[in-house]
Amino acid sequence: MELKFARTDIDTKPKKADIEKIEASVEKEGNMIYYFDRDNSHKDLLSLQDYFEEKGKSFYMSEVKFGLSDNEYMYQVHIIK
């Protein structure tokens, strides 16, 4: 499964990361906060949640609005060891 990180510029495409890279950084750092792009499906993010909860990690996800339009949001994910 590939997920797209939140865009840092309006005109650029979001960077992608697979679940193995995310897991490696969580194992290295312990607790991580990620911002994912709105182009990710909610189903994929719930699958990510299931994956980390099966590993015994705590997972918190929320939508973060950064503008007035309905499509100006991103997902904020906290993974805690």
PDB file of N, CA and C in Angstrom:
ATOM      1  N   MET A   1       0.847  -1.177   0.000  1.00  0.00           N
ATOM      2  CA  MET A   1       0.000   0.000   0.000  1.00  0.00           C
ATOM      3  C   MET A   1       0.892   1.240   0.000  1.00  0.00           C
ATOM      4  N   GLU A   2       0.613   2.149  -0.887  1.00  0.00           N
ATOM      5  CA  GLU A   2       1.336   3.428  -0.934  1.00  0.00           C
ATOM      6  C   GLU A   2       0.415   4.540  -0.471  1.00  0.00           C
ATOM      7  N   LEU A   3       0.933   5.397   0.367  1.00  0.00           N
ATOM      8  CA  LEU A   3       0.190   6.561   0.836  1.00  0.00           C
ATOM      9  C   LEU A   3       0.894   7.823   0.376  1.00  0.00           C
ATOM     10  N   LYS A   4       0.135   8.881   0.205  1.00  0.00           N
ATOM     11  CA  LYS A   4       0.689  10.155  -0.245  1.00  0.00           C
ATOM     12  C   LYS A   4       0.782  11.115   0.931  1.00  0.00           C
ATOM     13  N   PHE A   5       1.981  11.671   1.113  1.00  0.00           N
ATOM     14  CA  PHE A   5       2.166  12.680   2.152  1.00  0.00           C
ATOM     15  C   PHE A   5       1.506  13.981   1.716  1.00  0.00           C
ATOM     16  N   ALA A   6       1.197  14.835   2.664  1.00  0.00           N
ATOM     17  CA  ALA A   6       0.567  16.134   2.368  1.00  0.00           C
ATOM     18  C   ALA A   6       1.486  16.965   1.479  1.00  0.00           C
ATOM     19  N   ARG A   7       0.882  17.712   0.602  1.00  0.00           N
ATOM     20  CA  ARG A   7       1.630  18.579  -0.309  1.00  0.00           C
ATOM     21  C   ARG A   7       2.261  19.735   0.458  1.00  0.00           C
ATOM     22  N   THR A   8       3.437  20.105   0.047  1.00  0.00           N
ATOM     23  CA  THR A   8       4.083  21.266   0.649  1.00  0.00           C
ATOM     24  C   THR A   8       3.932  22.494  -0.224  1.00  0.00           C
ATOM     25  N   ASP A   9       3.442  22.301  -1.454  1.00  0.00           N
ATOM     26  CA  ASP A   9       3.214  23.389  -2.389  1.00  0.00           C
ATOM     27  C   ASP A   9       1.986  23.040  -3.222  1.00  0.00           C
ATOM     28  N   ILE A  10       1.182  24.012  -3.553  1.00  0.00           N
ATOM     29  CA  ILE A  10      -0.056  23.780  -4.293  1.00  0.00           C
ATOM     30  C   ILE A  10       0.204  23.147  -5.657  1.00  0.00           C
ATOM     31  N   ASP A  11       1.280  23.541  -6.305  1.00  0.00           N
ATOM     32  CA  ASP A  11       1.543  23.101  -7.671  1.00  0.00           C
ATOM     33  C   ASP A  11       2.292  21.774  -7.777  1.00  0.00           C
ATOM     34  N   THR A  12       2.727  21.194  -6.675  1.00  0.00           N
ATOM     35  CA  THR A  12       3.484  19.949  -6.737  1.00  0.00           C
ATOM     36  C   THR A  12       2.591  18.753  -6.459  1.00  0.00           C
ATOM     37  N   LYS A  13       3.072  17.604  -6.902  1.00  0.00           N
ATOM     38  CA  LYS A  13       2.365  16.365  -6.610  1.00  0.00           C
ATOM     39  C   LYS A  13       2.841  15.863  -5.247  1.00  0.00           C
ATOM     40  N   PRO A  14       1.975  15.186  -4.519  1.00  0.00           N
ATOM     41  CA  PRO A  14       2.386  14.688  -3.198  1.00  0.00           C
ATOM     42  C   PRO A  14       3.420  13.567  -3.314  1.00  0.00           C
ATOM     43  N   LYS A  15       4.331  13.512  -2.355  1.00  0.00           N
ATOM     44  CA  LYS A  15       5.326  12.441  -2.302  1.00  0.00           C
ATOM     45  C   LYS A  15       4.660  11.184  -1.757  1.00  0.00           C
ATOM     46  N   LYS A  16       5.157  10.032  -2.226  1.00  0.00           N
ATOM     47  CA  LYS A  16       4.573   8.765  -1.819  1.00  0.00           C
ATOM     48  C   LYS A  16       5.519   8.007  -0.907  1.00  0.00           C
ATOM     49  N   ALA A  17       4.944   7.197  -0.031  1.00  0.00           N
ATOM     50  CA  ALA A  17       5.723   6.317   0.836  1.00  0.00           C
ATOM     51  C   ALA A  17       4.939   5.034   1.029  1.00  0.00           C
ATOM     52  N   ASP A  18       5.653   3.932   1.098  1.00  0.00           N
ATOM     53  CA  ASP A  18       4.978   2.671   1.367  1.00  0.00           C
ATOM     54  C   ASP A  18       4.989   2.385   2.866  1.00  0.00           C
ATOM     55  N   ILE A  19       4.223   1.415   3.250  1.00  0.00           N
ATOM     56  CA  ILE A  19       4.035   1.129   4.667  1.00  0.00           C
ATOM     57  C   ILE A  19       5.330   0.679   5.342  1.00  0.00           C
ATOM     58  N   GLU A  20       6.220   0.045   4.596  1.00  0.00           N
ATOM     59  CA  GLU A  20       7.491  -0.408   5.171  1.00  0.00           C
ATOM     60  C   GLU A  20       8.369   0.771   5.581  1.00  0.00           C
ATOM     61  N   LYS A  21       8.391   1.813   4.768  1.00  0.00           N
ATOM     62  CA  LYS A  21       9.177   3.008   5.116  1.00  0.00           C
ATOM     63  C   LYS A  21       8.595   3.708   6.340  1.00  0.00           C
ATOM     64  N   ILE A  22       7.290   3.770   6.415  1.00  0.00           N
ATOM     65  CA  ILE A  22       6.633   4.398   7.563  1.00  0.00           C
ATOM     66  C   ILE A  22       6.933   3.598   8.824  1.00  0.00           C
ATOM     67  N   GLU A  23       6.844   2.280   8.716  1.00  0.00           N
ATOM     68  CA  GLU A  23       7.115   1.430   9.872  1.00  0.00           C
ATOM     69  C   GLU A  23       8.575   1.558  10.320  1.00  0.00           C
ATOM     70  N   ALA A  24       9.507   1.634   9.375  1.00  0.00           N
ATOM     71  CA  ALA A  24      10.921   1.768   9.724  1.00  0.00           C
ATOM     72  C   ALA A  24      11.179   3.059  10.486  1.00  0.00           C
ATOM     73  N   SER A  25      10.555   4.164  10.060  1.00  0.00           N
ATOM     74  CA  SER A  25      10.770   5.436  10.760  1.00  0.00           C
ATOM     75  C   SER A  25      10.117   5.429  12.140  1.00  0.00           C
ATOM     76  N   VAL A  26       8.998   4.741  12.286  1.00  0.00           N
ATOM     77  CA  VAL A  26       8.349   4.637  13.601  1.00  0.00           C
ATOM     78  C   VAL A  26       9.226   3.809  14.540  1.00  0.00           C
ATOM     79  N   GLU A  27       9.793   2.727  14.043  1.00  0.00           N
ATOM     80  CA  GLU A  27      10.662   1.894  14.877  1.00  0.00           C
ATOM     81  C   GLU A  27      11.922   2.655  15.284  1.00  0.00           C
ATOM     82  N   LYS A  28      12.425   3.473  14.382  1.00  0.00           N
ATOM     83  CA  LYS A  28      13.650   4.228  14.665  1.00  0.00           C
ATOM     84  C   LYS A  28      13.393   5.365  15.657  1.00  0.00           C
ATOM     85  N   GLU A  29      12.346   6.130  15.443  1.00  0.00           N
ATOM     86  CA  GLU A  29      12.076   7.331  16.240  1.00  0.00           C
ATOM     87  C   GLU A  29      11.184   7.071  17.451  1.00  0.00           C
ATOM     88  N   GLY A  30      10.351   6.073  17.369  1.00  0.00           N
ATOM     89  CA  GLY A  30       9.430   5.789  18.470  1.00  0.00           C
ATOM     90  C   GLY A  30       8.049   6.354  18.218  1.00  0.00           C
ATOM     91  N   ASN A  31       7.881   7.646  18.370  1.00  0.00           N
ATOM     92  CA  ASN A  31       6.592   8.313  18.156  1.00  0.00           C
ATOM     93  C   ASN A  31       6.710   9.225  16.940  1.00  0.00           C
ATOM     94  N   MET A  32       5.724   9.157  16.062  1.00  0.00           N
ATOM     95  CA  MET A  32       5.785   9.955  14.826  1.00  0.00           C
ATOM     96  C   MET A  32       4.436  10.634  14.573  1.00  0.00           C
ATOM     97  N   ILE A  33       4.529  11.779  13.931  1.00  0.00           N
ATOM     98  CA  ILE A  33       3.343  12.491  13.446  1.00  0.00           C
ATOM     99  C   ILE A  33       3.507  12.640  11.939  1.00  0.00           C
ATOM    100  N   TYR A  34       2.498  12.220  11.201  1.00  0.00           N
ATOM    101  CA  TYR A  34       2.517  12.307   9.739  1.00  0.00           C
ATOM    102  C   TYR A  34       1.329  13.133   9.276  1.00  0.00           C
ATOM    103  N   TYR A  35       1.511  13.794   8.156  1.00  0.00           N
ATOM    104  CA  TYR A  35       0.425  14.513   7.496  1.00  0.00           C
ATOM    105  C   TYR A  35       0.254  13.915   6.113  1.00  0.00           C
ATOM    106  N   PHE A  36      -0.935  13.369   5.858  1.00  0.00           N
ATOM    107  CA  PHE A  36      -1.211  12.719   4.592  1.00  0.00           C
ATOM    108  C   PHE A  36      -2.164  13.563   3.759  1.00  0.00           C
ATOM    109  N   ASP A  37      -2.010  13.466   2.449  1.00  0.00           N
ATOM    110  CA  ASP A  37      -2.785  14.247   1.497  1.00  0.00           C
ATOM    111  C   ASP A  37      -4.239  13.783   1.462  1.00  0.00           C
ATOM    112  N   ARG A  38      -5.113  14.668   1.058  1.00  0.00           N
ATOM    113  CA  ARG A  38      -6.535  14.345   0.960  1.00  0.00           C
ATOM    114  C   ARG A  38      -6.822  13.348  -0.158  1.00  0.00           C
ATOM    115  N   ASP A  39      -5.861  13.143  -1.078  1.00  0.00           N
ATOM    116  CA  ASP A  39      -6.046  12.180  -2.168  1.00  0.00           C
ATOM    117  C   ASP A  39      -6.023  10.739  -1.693  1.00  0.00           C
ATOM    118  N   ASN A  40      -5.543  10.493  -0.479  1.00  0.00           N
ATOM    119  CA  ASN A  40      -5.572   9.140   0.073  1.00  0.00           C
ATOM    120  C   ASN A  40      -7.008   8.767   0.394  1.00  0.00           C
ATOM    121  N   SER A  41      -7.325   7.509   0.170  1.00  0.00           N
ATOM    122  CA  SER A  41      -8.677   7.085   0.533  1.00  0.00           C
ATOM    123  C   SER A  41      -8.749   6.852   2.040  1.00  0.00           C
ATOM    124  N   HIS A  42      -9.887   7.129   2.588  1.00  0.00           N
ATOM    125  CA  HIS A  42     -10.090   6.927   4.024  1.00  0.00           C
ATOM    126  C   HIS A  42      -9.907   5.443   4.366  1.00  0.00           C
ATOM    127  N   LYS A  43     -10.278   4.581   3.432  1.00  0.00           N
ATOM    128  CA  LYS A  43     -10.137   3.140   3.622  1.00  0.00           C
ATOM    129  C   LYS A  43      -8.669   2.754   3.776  1.00  0.00           C
ATOM    130  N   ASP A  44      -7.772   3.358   2.986  1.00  0.00           N
ATOM    131  CA  ASP A  44      -6.338   3.067   3.098  1.00  0.00           C
ATOM    132  C   ASP A  44      -5.786   3.516   4.441  1.00  0.00           C
ATOM    133  N   LEU A  45      -6.242   4.658   4.922  1.00  0.00           N
ATOM    134  CA  LEU A  45      -5.787   5.140   6.228  1.00  0.00           C
ATOM    135  C   LEU A  45      -6.308   4.262   7.363  1.00  0.00           C
ATOM    136  N   LEU A  46      -7.507   3.731   7.217  1.00  0.00           N
ATOM    137  CA  LEU A  46      -8.019   2.800   8.223  1.00  0.00           C
ATOM    138  C   LEU A  46      -7.240   1.483   8.186  1.00  0.00           C
ATOM    139  N   SER A  47      -6.801   1.080   6.993  1.00  0.00           N
ATOM    140  CA  SER A  47      -5.955  -0.114   6.881  1.00  0.00           C
ATOM    141  C   SER A  47      -4.610   0.124   7.554  1.00  0.00           C
ATOM    142  N   LEU A  48      -4.075   1.344   7.419  1.00  0.00           N
ATOM    143  CA  LEU A  48      -2.835   1.709   8.096  1.00  0.00           C
ATOM    144  C   LEU A  48      -3.028   1.651   9.608  1.00  0.00           C
ATOM    145  N   GLN A  49      -4.168   2.126  10.063  1.00  0.00           N
ATOM    146  CA  GLN A  49      -4.480   2.069  11.486  1.00  0.00           C
ATOM    147  C   GLN A  49      -4.512   0.624  11.974  1.00  0.00           C
ATOM    148  N   ASP A  50      -5.193  -0.239  11.258  1.00  0.00           N
ATOM    149  CA  ASP A  50      -5.265  -1.649  11.643  1.00  0.00           C
ATOM    150  C   ASP A  50      -3.880  -2.277  11.685  1.00  0.00           C
ATOM    151  N   TYR A  51      -3.049  -1.940  10.711  1.00  0.00           N
ATOM    152  CA  TYR A  51      -1.702  -2.502  10.629  1.00  0.00           C
ATOM    153  C   TYR A  51      -0.895  -2.165  11.880  1.00  0.00           C
ATOM    154  N   PHE A  52      -0.897  -0.895  12.283  1.00  0.00           N
ATOM    155  CA  PHE A  52      -0.105  -0.492  13.441  1.00  0.00           C
ATOM    156  C   PHE A  52      -0.724  -0.935  14.757  1.00  0.00           C
ATOM    157  N   GLU A  53      -2.034  -0.991  14.843  1.00  0.00           N
ATOM    158  CA  GLU A  53      -2.662  -1.476  16.069  1.00  0.00           C
ATOM    159  C   GLU A  53      -2.401  -2.961  16.282  1.00  0.00           C
ATOM    160  N   GLU A  54      -2.298  -3.724  15.182  1.00  0.00           N
ATOM    161  CA  GLU A  54      -1.932  -5.139  15.297  1.00  0.00           C
ATOM    162  C   GLU A  54      -0.501  -5.298  15.809  1.00  0.00           C
ATOM    163  N   LYS A  55       0.345  -4.317  15.557  1.00  0.00           N
ATOM    164  CA  LYS A  55       1.729  -4.333  16.032  1.00  0.00           C
ATOM    165  C   LYS A  55       1.843  -3.831  17.475  1.00  0.00           C
ATOM    166  N   GLY A  56       0.714  -3.463  18.097  1.00  0.00           N
ATOM    167  CA  GLY A  56       0.714  -3.004  19.483  1.00  0.00           C
ATOM    168  C   GLY A  56       0.980  -1.519  19.646  1.00  0.00           C
ATOM    169  N   LYS A  57       0.829  -0.740  18.596  1.00  0.00           N
ATOM    170  CA  LYS A  57       1.062   0.696  18.656  1.00  0.00           C
ATOM    171  C   LYS A  57      -0.274   1.433  18.766  1.00  0.00           C
ATOM    172  N   SER A  58      -0.251   2.612  19.352  1.00  0.00           N
ATOM    173  CA  SER A  58      -1.442   3.459  19.404  1.00  0.00           C
ATOM    174  C   SER A  58      -1.477   4.320  18.148  1.00  0.00           C
ATOM    175  N   PHE A  59      -2.662   4.539  17.618  1.00  0.00           N
ATOM    176  CA  PHE A  59      -2.831   5.236  16.342  1.00  0.00           C
ATOM    177  C   PHE A  59      -3.971   6.233  16.500  1.00  0.00           C
ATOM    178  N   TYR A  60      -3.705   7.493  16.215  1.00  0.00           N
ATOM    179  CA  TYR A  60      -4.722   8.545  16.285  1.00  0.00           C
ATOM    180  C   TYR A  60      -4.757   9.293  14.963  1.00  0.00           C
ATOM    181  N   MET A  61      -5.952   9.463  14.401  1.00  0.00           N
ATOM    182  CA  MET A  61      -6.090  10.132  13.107  1.00  0.00           C
ATOM    183  C   MET A  61      -7.169  11.203  13.203  1.00  0.00           C
ATOM    184  N   SER A  62      -6.920  12.347  12.550  1.00  0.00           N
ATOM    185  CA  SER A  62      -7.919  13.403  12.493  1.00  0.00           C
ATOM    186  C   SER A  62      -7.763  14.162  11.187  1.00  0.00           C
ATOM    187  N   GLU A  63      -8.820  14.848  10.795  1.00  0.00           N
ATOM    188  CA  GLU A  63      -8.786  15.729   9.625  1.00  0.00           C
ATOM    189  C   GLU A  63      -8.389  17.116  10.087  1.00  0.00           C
ATOM    190  N   VAL A  64      -7.492  17.736   9.336  1.00  0.00           N
ATOM    191  CA  VAL A  64      -7.058  19.092   9.644  1.00  0.00           C
ATOM    192  C   VAL A  64      -7.452  19.984   8.478  1.00  0.00           C
ATOM    193  N   LYS A  65      -8.331  20.942   8.737  1.00  0.00           N
ATOM    194  CA  LYS A  65      -8.726  21.905   7.691  1.00  0.00           C
ATOM    195  C   LYS A  65      -7.755  23.078   7.714  1.00  0.00           C
ATOM    196  N   PHE A  66      -7.344  23.504   6.525  1.00  0.00           N
ATOM    197  CA  PHE A  66      -6.423  24.629   6.442  1.00  0.00           C
ATOM    198  C   PHE A  66      -6.957  25.743   5.561  1.00  0.00           C
ATOM    199  N   GLY A  67      -8.214  25.671   5.184  1.00  0.00           N
ATOM    200  CA  GLY A  67      -8.825  26.713   4.375  1.00  0.00           C
ATOM    201  C   GLY A  67     -10.332  26.687   4.548  1.00  0.00           C
ATOM    202  N   LEU A  68     -11.013  27.543   3.828  1.00  0.00           N
ATOM    203  CA  LEU A  68     -12.462  27.631   3.952  1.00  0.00           C
ATOM    204  C   LEU A  68     -13.202  26.656   3.051  1.00  0.00           C
ATOM    205  N   SER A  69     -12.546  26.189   2.001  1.00  0.00           N
ATOM    206  CA  SER A  69     -13.174  25.262   1.073  1.00  0.00           C
ATOM    207  C   SER A  69     -13.279  23.870   1.681  1.00  0.00           C
ATOM    208  N   ASP A  70     -14.271  23.111   1.230  1.00  0.00           N
ATOM    209  CA  ASP A  70     -14.457  21.762   1.758  1.00  0.00           C
ATOM    210  C   ASP A  70     -13.330  20.813   1.387  1.00  0.00           C
ATOM    211  N   ASN A  71     -12.608  21.093   0.281  1.00  0.00           N
ATOM    212  CA  ASN A  71     -11.534  20.190  -0.130  1.00  0.00           C
ATOM    213  C   ASN A  71     -10.151  20.669   0.319  1.00  0.00           C
ATOM    214  N   GLU A  72     -10.099  21.580   1.243  1.00  0.00           N
ATOM    215  CA  GLU A  72      -8.822  22.051   1.782  1.00  0.00           C
ATOM    216  C   GLU A  72      -8.602  21.432   3.163  1.00  0.00           C
ATOM    217  N   TYR A  73      -8.172  20.176   3.137  1.00  0.00           N
ATOM    218  CA  TYR A  73      -7.909  19.456   4.382  1.00  0.00           C
ATOM    219  C   TYR A  73      -6.812  18.430   4.138  1.00  0.00           C
ATOM    220  N   MET A  74      -6.280  17.912   5.222  1.00  0.00           N
ATOM    221  CA  MET A  74      -5.319  16.827   5.184  1.00  0.00           C
ATOM    222  C   MET A  74      -5.574  15.943   6.390  1.00  0.00           C
ATOM    223  N   TYR A  75      -4.972  14.791   6.394  1.00  0.00           N
ATOM    224  CA  TYR A  75      -5.117  13.874   7.524  1.00  0.00           C
ATOM    225  C   TYR A  75      -3.881  13.971   8.415  1.00  0.00           C
ATOM    226  N   GLN A  76      -4.083  14.087   9.698  1.00  0.00           N
ATOM    227  CA  GLN A  76      -2.999  14.096  10.669  1.00  0.00           C
ATOM    228  C   GLN A  76      -3.027  12.757  11.399  1.00  0.00           C
ATOM    229  N   VAL A  77      -1.873  12.073  11.394  1.00  0.00           N
ATOM    230  CA  VAL A  77      -1.794  10.747  11.993  1.00  0.00           C
ATOM    231  C   VAL A  77      -0.683  10.741  13.035  1.00  0.00           C
ATOM    232  N   HIS A  78      -0.993  10.288  14.253  1.00  0.00           N
ATOM    233  CA  HIS A  78      -0.010  10.107  15.314  1.00  0.00           C
ATOM    234  C   HIS A  78       0.132   8.598  15.519  1.00  0.00           C
ATOM    235  N   ILE A  79       1.370   8.129  15.462  1.00  0.00           N
ATOM    236  CA  ILE A  79       1.645   6.726  15.757  1.00  0.00           C
ATOM    237  C   ILE A  79       2.564   6.724  16.982  1.00  0.00           C
ATOM    238  N   ILE A  80       2.099   6.083  18.037  1.00  0.00           N
ATOM    239  CA  ILE A  80       2.806   6.111  19.311  1.00  0.00           C
ATOM    240  C   ILE A  80       3.223   4.691  19.682  1.00  0.00           C
ATOM    241  N   LYS A  81       4.482   4.533  20.023  1.00  0.00           N
ATOM    242  CA  LYS A  81       5.041   3.216  20.321  1.00  0.00           C
ATOM    243  C   LYS A  81       4.534   2.640  21.601  1.00  0.00           C
TER     244      LYS A  81
END
